[in-house]
Amino acid sequence: MTGIKSIKIGALDGVLLEDDTLRLLILPQLGGKVISLIYKPTGREFLSQVPHPDYQLPRWGEPFVHYDTGGWDECFPTIAPCLYPEGVWKGTPLPDHGTLWLIPRYCQLSTSEVYLGTKCMSFLFLFSKRVHLDPEEDVEAQLSPELRR
Protein backbone atom coordinates (compact mmCIF):
# COMPACT_ATOMS: atom_id res chain seq x y z
CA MET A 1 0.00 0.00 0.00
CA THR A 2 1.23 3.48 -0.87
CA GLY A 3 1.70 6.02 1.87
CA ILE A 4 1.38 9.68 0.92
CA LYS A 5 2.07 12.50 3.32
CA SER A 6 3.02 16.15 3.52
CA ILE A 7 6.51 16.83 4.84
CA LYS A 8 8.92 19.74 5.18
CA ILE A 9 12.16 19.86 3.22
CA GLY A 10 14.04 22.82 4.59
CA ALA A 11 11.61 25.74 4.51
CA LEU A 12 9.54 24.25 1.68
CA ASP A 13 6.52 22.00 1.65
CA GLY A 14 7.15 18.56 0.23
CA VAL A 15 5.24 15.40 -0.54
CA LEU A 16 6.49 11.90 0.19
CA LEU A 17 5.07 8.91 -1.70
CA GLU A 18 6.30 5.55 -0.46
CA ASP A 19 5.50 1.88 -0.76
CA ASP A 20 7.51 -1.29 -0.21
CA THR A 21 9.51 -0.69 -3.39
CA LEU A 22 9.80 3.05 -4.10
CA ARG A 23 10.30 6.31 -2.24
CA LEU A 24 9.53 9.52 -4.18
CA LEU A 25 9.91 13.12 -2.97
CA ILE A 26 8.21 16.10 -4.67
CA LEU A 27 8.49 19.85 -4.04
CA PRO A 28 5.24 21.42 -5.32
CA GLN A 29 6.48 24.97 -4.67
CA LEU A 30 9.44 24.37 -7.01
CA GLY A 31 7.39 23.62 -10.08
CA GLY A 32 6.50 20.13 -8.87
CA LYS A 33 10.18 19.17 -8.93
CA VAL A 34 10.82 15.50 -8.11
CA ILE A 35 13.95 15.63 -5.97
CA SER A 36 14.40 11.93 -5.26
CA LEU A 37 13.31 8.54 -6.58
CA ILE A 38 14.78 5.63 -4.63
CA TYR A 39 14.40 1.94 -5.39
CA LYS A 40 14.22 0.69 -1.80
CA PRO A 41 15.37 -2.95 -2.23
CA THR A 42 18.81 -1.72 -3.37
CA GLY A 43 18.83 1.87 -2.07
CA ARG A 44 19.53 3.08 -5.62
CA GLU A 45 18.76 6.75 -6.29
CA PHE A 46 17.61 7.19 -9.88
CA LEU A 47 17.75 10.99 -10.10
CA SER A 48 20.82 13.16 -10.31
CA GLN A 49 21.67 14.72 -6.95
CA VAL A 50 23.74 17.75 -5.98
CA PRO A 51 25.88 17.33 -2.84
CA HIS A 52 24.21 20.00 -0.66
CA PRO A 53 20.98 21.15 -2.27
CA ASP A 54 19.70 24.58 -1.31
CA TYR A 55 16.08 24.55 -2.41
CA GLN A 56 15.09 28.15 -3.14
CA LEU A 57 12.11 29.58 -4.96
CA PRO A 58 13.37 30.69 -8.38
CA ARG A 59 12.97 34.20 -9.71
CA TRP A 60 11.58 34.70 -13.21
CA GLY A 61 14.30 34.78 -15.84
CA GLU A 62 17.12 33.58 -13.59
CA PRO A 63 19.32 30.86 -15.10
CA PHE A 64 18.37 27.33 -14.10
CA VAL A 65 21.94 26.62 -12.93
CA HIS A 66 21.55 29.19 -10.12
CA TYR A 67 19.19 26.72 -8.45
CA ASP A 68 19.22 23.01 -7.65
CA THR A 69 19.95 21.21 -10.91
CA GLY A 70 19.38 17.71 -9.53
CA GLY A 71 16.15 15.80 -9.70
CA TRP A 72 13.46 15.98 -12.33
CA ASP A 73 12.06 19.27 -13.62
CA GLU A 74 9.53 19.73 -16.40
CA CYS A 75 10.87 22.01 -19.13
CA PHE A 76 8.24 23.71 -21.29
CA PRO A 77 8.05 25.26 -23.83
CA THR A 78 11.83 25.35 -24.21
CA ILE A 79 15.08 24.28 -22.58
CA ALA A 80 17.42 27.10 -23.56
CA PRO A 81 16.54 30.80 -23.18
CA CYS A 82 15.15 32.13 -26.45
CA LEU A 83 12.46 34.26 -28.04
CA TYR A 84 9.12 32.69 -28.85
CA PRO A 85 9.31 32.09 -32.59
CA GLU A 86 5.82 32.80 -33.97
CA GLY A 87 2.18 33.69 -33.48
CA VAL A 88 0.80 36.16 -30.96
CA TRP A 89 3.76 35.61 -28.61
CA LYS A 90 6.41 36.08 -31.30
CA GLY A 91 9.47 37.72 -29.77
CA THR A 92 8.42 37.07 -26.17
CA PRO A 93 11.48 36.10 -24.08
CA LEU A 94 11.41 32.56 -22.71
CA PRO A 95 13.60 31.82 -19.68
CA ASP A 96 16.18 29.07 -19.31
CA HIS A 97 14.36 25.71 -19.01
CA GLY A 98 11.07 27.37 -20.03
CA THR A 99 8.38 28.67 -17.73
CA LEU A 100 7.01 25.49 -16.18
CA TRP A 101 9.82 24.82 -13.67
CA LEU A 102 9.36 28.35 -12.27
CA ILE A 103 5.67 28.09 -11.41
CA PRO A 104 4.55 26.68 -8.03
CA ARG A 105 1.98 23.89 -8.24
CA TYR A 106 -1.40 23.51 -6.65
CA CYS A 107 -1.10 20.23 -4.78
CA GLN A 108 -3.84 17.89 -3.63
CA LEU A 109 -3.18 14.61 -1.84
CA SER A 110 -5.47 11.62 -1.81
CA THR A 111 -4.94 8.17 -0.35
CA SER A 112 -3.63 6.86 -3.67
CA GLU A 113 -2.12 9.77 -5.62
CA VAL A 114 -0.83 13.30 -5.72
CA TYR A 115 -2.42 15.80 -8.10
CA LEU A 116 -0.26 18.76 -9.16
CA GLY A 117 -1.56 21.58 -11.33
CA THR A 118 -0.72 25.11 -12.40
CA LYS A 119 -1.59 27.72 -14.95
CA CYS A 120 0.83 29.92 -16.81
CA MET A 121 -0.74 33.31 -17.35
CA SER A 122 1.94 34.60 -19.71
CA PHE A 123 1.32 31.82 -22.25
CA LEU A 124 -2.20 30.81 -21.29
CA PHE A 125 -1.75 27.12 -20.66
CA LEU A 126 -2.79 24.73 -17.92
CA PHE A 127 -0.52 21.94 -16.80
CA SER A 128 -1.38 19.06 -14.50
CA LYS A 129 -0.06 15.67 -13.58
CA ARG A 130 -1.04 12.85 -11.28
CA VAL A 131 1.64 10.85 -9.52
CA HIS A 132 1.01 7.46 -7.97
CA LEU A 133 2.89 4.30 -7.15
CA ASP A 134 1.35 1.12 -8.51
CA PRO A 135 1.81 -1.87 -6.18
CA GLU A 136 0.73 -4.21 -9.00
CA GLU A 137 3.75 -3.29 -11.12
CA ASP A 138 7.01 -5.19 -10.77
CA VAL A 139 9.51 -2.33 -10.80
CA GLU A 140 12.63 -4.50 -10.91
CA ALA A 141 11.40 -6.43 -13.96
CA GLN A 142 10.94 -3.14 -15.83
CA LEU A 143 14.47 -1.88 -15.10
CA SER A 144 17.24 -2.57 -17.56
CA PRO A 145 19.99 -4.85 -16.13
CA GLU A 146 22.47 -2.00 -15.59
CA LEU A 147 19.90 -0.09 -13.50
CA ARG A 148 19.21 -3.05 -11.17
CA ARG A 149 22.62 -2.80 -9.50
C-alpha atoms as a PDB file:
ATOM      1  CA  MET A   1       0.000   0.000   0.000  1.00  0.00           C
ATOM      2  CA  THR A   2       1.226   3.481  -0.868  1.00  0.00           C
ATOM      3  CA  GLY A   3       1.705   6.021   1.872  1.00  0.00           C
ATOM      4  CA  ILE A   4       1.379   9.678   0.917  1.00  0.00           C
ATOM      5  CA  LYS A   5       2.066  12.500   3.321  1.00  0.00           C
ATOM      6  CA  SER A   6       3.022  16.149   3.515  1.00  0.00           C
ATOM      7  CA  ILE A   7       6.511  16.826   4.836  1.00  0.00           C
ATOM      8  CA  LYS A   8       8.917  19.743   5.179  1.00  0.00           C
ATOM      9  CA  ILE A   9      12.158  19.858   3.221  1.00  0.00           C
ATOM     10  CA  GLY A  10      14.039  22.822   4.588  1.00  0.00           C
ATOM     11  CA  ALA A  11      11.609  25.744   4.506  1.00  0.00           C
ATOM     12  CA  LEU A  12       9.544  24.254   1.676  1.00  0.00           C
ATOM     13  CA  ASP A  13       6.520  21.996   1.651  1.00  0.00           C
ATOM     14  CA  GLY A  14       7.147  18.558   0.230  1.00  0.00           C
ATOM     15  CA  VAL A  15       5.241  15.401  -0.536  1.00  0.00           C
ATOM     16  CA  LEU A  16       6.485  11.895   0.192  1.00  0.00           C
ATOM     17  CA  LEU A  17       5.074   8.907  -1.696  1.00  0.00           C
ATOM     18  CA  GLU A  18       6.303   5.553  -0.458  1.00  0.00           C
ATOM     19  CA  ASP A  19       5.498   1.879  -0.763  1.00  0.00           C
ATOM     20  CA  ASP A  20       7.515  -1.293  -0.206  1.00  0.00           C
ATOM     21  CA  THR A  21       9.512  -0.694  -3.390  1.00  0.00           C
ATOM     22  CA  LEU A  22       9.802   3.049  -4.098  1.00  0.00           C
ATOM     23  CA  ARG A  23      10.302   6.313  -2.240  1.00  0.00           C
ATOM     24  CA  LEU A  24       9.525   9.516  -4.175  1.00  0.00           C
ATOM     25  CA  LEU A  25       9.906  13.123  -2.973  1.00  0.00           C
ATOM     26  CA  ILE A  26       8.213  16.099  -4.668  1.00  0.00           C
ATOM     27  CA  LEU A  27       8.493  19.853  -4.040  1.00  0.00           C
ATOM     28  CA  PRO A  28       5.244  21.418  -5.318  1.00  0.00           C
ATOM     29  CA  GLN A  29       6.480  24.972  -4.666  1.00  0.00           C
ATOM     30  CA  LEU A  30       9.439  24.374  -7.007  1.00  0.00           C
ATOM     31  CA  GLY A  31       7.390  23.617 -10.082  1.00  0.00           C
ATOM     32  CA  GLY A  32       6.501  20.129  -8.875  1.00  0.00           C
ATOM     33  CA  LYS A  33      10.185  19.167  -8.927  1.00  0.00           C
ATOM     34  CA  VAL A  34      10.824  15.500  -8.115  1.00  0.00           C
ATOM     35  CA  ILE A  35      13.946  15.627  -5.965  1.00  0.00           C
ATOM     36  CA  SER A  36      14.399  11.929  -5.259  1.00  0.00           C
ATOM     37  CA  LEU A  37      13.314   8.541  -6.578  1.00  0.00           C
ATOM     38  CA  ILE A  38      14.777   5.632  -4.633  1.00  0.00           C
ATOM     39  CA  TYR A  39      14.404   1.938  -5.393  1.00  0.00           C
ATOM     40  CA  LYS A  40      14.222   0.689  -1.801  1.00  0.00           C
ATOM     41  CA  PRO A  41      15.372  -2.946  -2.229  1.00  0.00           C
ATOM     42  CA  THR A  42      18.812  -1.724  -3.369  1.00  0.00           C
ATOM     43  CA  GLY A  43      18.833   1.870  -2.075  1.00  0.00           C
ATOM     44  CA  ARG A  44      19.533   3.079  -5.616  1.00  0.00           C
ATOM     45  CA  GLU A  45      18.763   6.754  -6.293  1.00  0.00           C
ATOM     46  CA  PHE A  46      17.613   7.193  -9.882  1.00  0.00           C
ATOM     47  CA  LEU A  47      17.751  10.987 -10.100  1.00  0.00           C
ATOM     48  CA  SER A  48      20.821  13.162 -10.313  1.00  0.00           C
ATOM     49  CA  GLN A  49      21.669  14.724  -6.954  1.00  0.00           C
ATOM     50  CA  VAL A  50      23.740  17.748  -5.982  1.00  0.00           C
ATOM     51  CA  PRO A  51      25.884  17.331  -2.836  1.00  0.00           C
ATOM     52  CA  HIS A  52      24.214  19.997  -0.661  1.00  0.00           C
ATOM     53  CA  PRO A  53      20.980  21.152  -2.274  1.00  0.00           C
ATOM     54  CA  ASP A  54      19.702  24.582  -1.310  1.00  0.00           C
ATOM     55  CA  TYR A  55      16.083  24.554  -2.410  1.00  0.00           C
ATOM     56  CA  GLN A  56      15.087  28.147  -3.143  1.00  0.00           C
ATOM     57  CA  LEU A  57      12.106  29.578  -4.957  1.00  0.00           C
ATOM     58  CA  PRO A  58      13.374  30.688  -8.380  1.00  0.00           C
ATOM     59  CA  ARG A  59      12.971  34.201  -9.710  1.00  0.00           C
ATOM     60  CA  TRP A  60      11.580  34.699 -13.206  1.00  0.00           C
ATOM     61  CA  GLY A  61      14.297  34.783 -15.836  1.00  0.00           C
ATOM     62  CA  GLU A  62      17.124  33.578 -13.594  1.00  0.00           C
ATOM     63  CA  PRO A  63      19.323  30.855 -15.101  1.00  0.00           C
ATOM     64  CA  PHE A  64      18.367  27.327 -14.100  1.00  0.00           C
ATOM     65  CA  VAL A  65      21.941  26.620 -12.929  1.00  0.00           C
ATOM     66  CA  HIS A  66      21.553  29.193 -10.122  1.00  0.00           C
ATOM     67  CA  TYR A  67      19.186  26.722  -8.453  1.00  0.00           C
ATOM     68  CA  ASP A  68      19.221  23.009  -7.648  1.00  0.00           C
ATOM     69  CA  THR A  69      19.954  21.214 -10.911  1.00  0.00           C
ATOM     70  CA  GLY A  70      19.385  17.706  -9.528  1.00  0.00           C
ATOM     71  CA  GLY A  71      16.151  15.797  -9.697  1.00  0.00           C
ATOM     72  CA  TRP A  72      13.461  15.980 -12.327  1.00  0.00           C
ATOM     73  CA  ASP A  73      12.058  19.267 -13.617  1.00  0.00           C
ATOM     74  CA  GLU A  74       9.528  19.725 -16.396  1.00  0.00           C
ATOM     75  CA  CYS A  75      10.865  22.010 -19.130  1.00  0.00           C
ATOM     76  CA  PHE A  76       8.244  23.713 -21.292  1.00  0.00           C
ATOM     77  CA  PRO A  77       8.052  25.258 -23.829  1.00  0.00           C
ATOM     78  CA  THR A  78      11.830  25.350 -24.212  1.00  0.00           C
ATOM     79  CA  ILE A  79      15.080  24.284 -22.583  1.00  0.00           C
ATOM     80  CA  ALA A  80      17.421  27.105 -23.564  1.00  0.00           C
ATOM     81  CA  PRO A  81      16.536  30.797 -23.178  1.00  0.00           C
ATOM     82  CA  CYS A  82      15.147  32.129 -26.446  1.00  0.00           C
ATOM     83  CA  LEU A  83      12.463  34.263 -28.037  1.00  0.00           C
ATOM     84  CA  TYR A  84       9.122  32.694 -28.845  1.00  0.00           C
ATOM     85  CA  PRO A  85       9.309  32.087 -32.589  1.00  0.00           C
ATOM     86  CA  GLU A  86       5.817  32.803 -33.972  1.00  0.00           C
ATOM     87  CA  GLY A  87       2.179  33.691 -33.482  1.00  0.00           C
ATOM     88  CA  VAL A  88       0.798  36.156 -30.959  1.00  0.00           C
ATOM     89  CA  TRP A  89       3.760  35.608 -28.607  1.00  0.00           C
ATOM     90  CA  LYS A  90       6.409  36.077 -31.302  1.00  0.00           C
ATOM     91  CA  GLY A  91       9.472  37.722 -29.773  1.00  0.00           C
ATOM     92  CA  THR A  92       8.422  37.069 -26.166  1.00  0.00           C
ATOM     93  CA  PRO A  93      11.478  36.100 -24.078  1.00  0.00           C
ATOM     94  CA  LEU A  94      11.411  32.560 -22.706  1.00  0.00           C
ATOM     95  CA  PRO A  95      13.599  31.817 -19.678  1.00  0.00           C
ATOM     96  CA  ASP A  96      16.180  29.070 -19.312  1.00  0.00           C
ATOM     97  CA  HIS A  97      14.361  25.712 -19.013  1.00  0.00           C
ATOM     98  CA  GLY A  98      11.074  27.369 -20.034  1.00  0.00           C
ATOM     99  CA  THR A  99       8.376  28.669 -17.728  1.00  0.00           C
ATOM    100  CA  LEU A 100       7.007  25.490 -16.181  1.00  0.00           C
ATOM    101  CA  TRP A 101       9.817  24.818 -13.674  1.00  0.00           C
ATOM    102  CA  LEU A 102       9.364  28.348 -12.273  1.00  0.00           C
ATOM    103  CA  ILE A 103       5.670  28.094 -11.410  1.00  0.00           C
ATOM    104  CA  PRO A 104       4.546  26.678  -8.035  1.00  0.00           C
ATOM    105  CA  ARG A 105       1.981  23.890  -8.243  1.00  0.00           C
ATOM    106  CA  TYR A 106      -1.397  23.513  -6.648  1.00  0.00           C
ATOM    107  CA  CYS A 107      -1.097  20.229  -4.777  1.00  0.00           C
ATOM    108  CA  GLN A 108      -3.845  17.891  -3.634  1.00  0.00           C
ATOM    109  CA  LEU A 109      -3.184  14.614  -1.838  1.00  0.00           C
ATOM    110  CA  SER A 110      -5.473  11.621  -1.809  1.00  0.00           C
ATOM    111  CA  THR A 111      -4.939   8.175  -0.346  1.00  0.00           C
ATOM    112  CA  SER A 112      -3.631   6.857  -3.669  1.00  0.00           C
ATOM    113  CA  GLU A 113      -2.117   9.765  -5.622  1.00  0.00           C
ATOM    114  CA  VAL A 114      -0.828  13.302  -5.721  1.00  0.00           C
ATOM    115  CA  TYR A 115      -2.418  15.804  -8.100  1.00  0.00           C
ATOM    116  CA  LEU A 116      -0.260  18.760  -9.161  1.00  0.00           C
ATOM    117  CA  GLY A 117      -1.560  21.579 -11.334  1.00  0.00           C
ATOM    118  CA  THR A 118      -0.719  25.105 -12.397  1.00  0.00           C
ATOM    119  CA  LYS A 119      -1.587  27.723 -14.955  1.00  0.00           C
ATOM    120  CA  CYS A 120       0.829  29.924 -16.815  1.00  0.00           C
ATOM    121  CA  MET A 121      -0.744  33.314 -17.346  1.00  0.00           C
ATOM    122  CA  SER A 122       1.944  34.598 -19.708  1.00  0.00           C
ATOM    123  CA  PHE A 123       1.325  31.817 -22.248  1.00  0.00           C
ATOM    124  CA  LEU A 124      -2.204  30.805 -21.286  1.00  0.00           C
ATOM    125  CA  PHE A 125      -1.751  27.116 -20.664  1.00  0.00           C
ATOM    126  CA  LEU A 126      -2.788  24.728 -17.924  1.00  0.00           C
ATOM    127  CA  PHE A 127      -0.520  21.938 -16.795  1.00  0.00           C
ATOM    128  CA  SER A 128      -1.384  19.059 -14.499  1.00  0.00           C
ATOM    129  CA  LYS A 129      -0.059  15.673 -13.575  1.00  0.00           C
ATOM    130  CA  ARG A 130      -1.043  12.853 -11.282  1.00  0.00           C
ATOM    131  CA  VAL A 131       1.637  10.855  -9.515  1.00  0.00           C
ATOM    132  CA  HIS A 132       1.011   7.456  -7.971  1.00  0.00           C
ATOM    133  CA  LEU A 133       2.891   4.298  -7.150  1.00  0.00           C
ATOM    134  CA  ASP A 134       1.354   1.118  -8.512  1.00  0.00           C
ATOM    135  CA  PRO A 135       1.807  -1.871  -6.178  1.00  0.00           C
ATOM    136  CA  GLU A 136       0.729  -4.209  -8.997  1.00  0.00           C
ATOM    137  CA  GLU A 137       3.752  -3.289 -11.120  1.00  0.00           C
ATOM    138  CA  ASP A 138       7.008  -5.187 -10.772  1.00  0.00           C
ATOM    139  CA  VAL A 139       9.509  -2.326 -10.803  1.00  0.00           C
ATOM    140  CA  GLU A 140      12.625  -4.503 -10.910  1.00  0.00           C
ATOM    141  CA  ALA A 141      11.397  -6.432 -13.964  1.00  0.00           C
ATOM    142  CA  GLN A 142      10.940  -3.141 -15.828  1.00  0.00           C
ATOM    143  CA  LEU A 143      14.467  -1.883 -15.103  1.00  0.00           C
ATOM    144  CA  SER A 144      17.242  -2.569 -17.556  1.00  0.00           C
ATOM    145  CA  PRO A 145      19.990  -4.849 -16.128  1.00  0.00           C
ATOM    146  CA  GLU A 146      22.472  -1.995 -15.591  1.00  0.00           C
ATOM    147  CA  LEU A 147      19.896  -0.095 -13.496  1.00  0.00           C
ATOM    148  CA  ARG A 148      19.213  -3.049 -11.170  1.00  0.00           C
ATOM    149  CA  ARG A 149      22.622  -2.800  -9.501  1.00  0.00           C
END
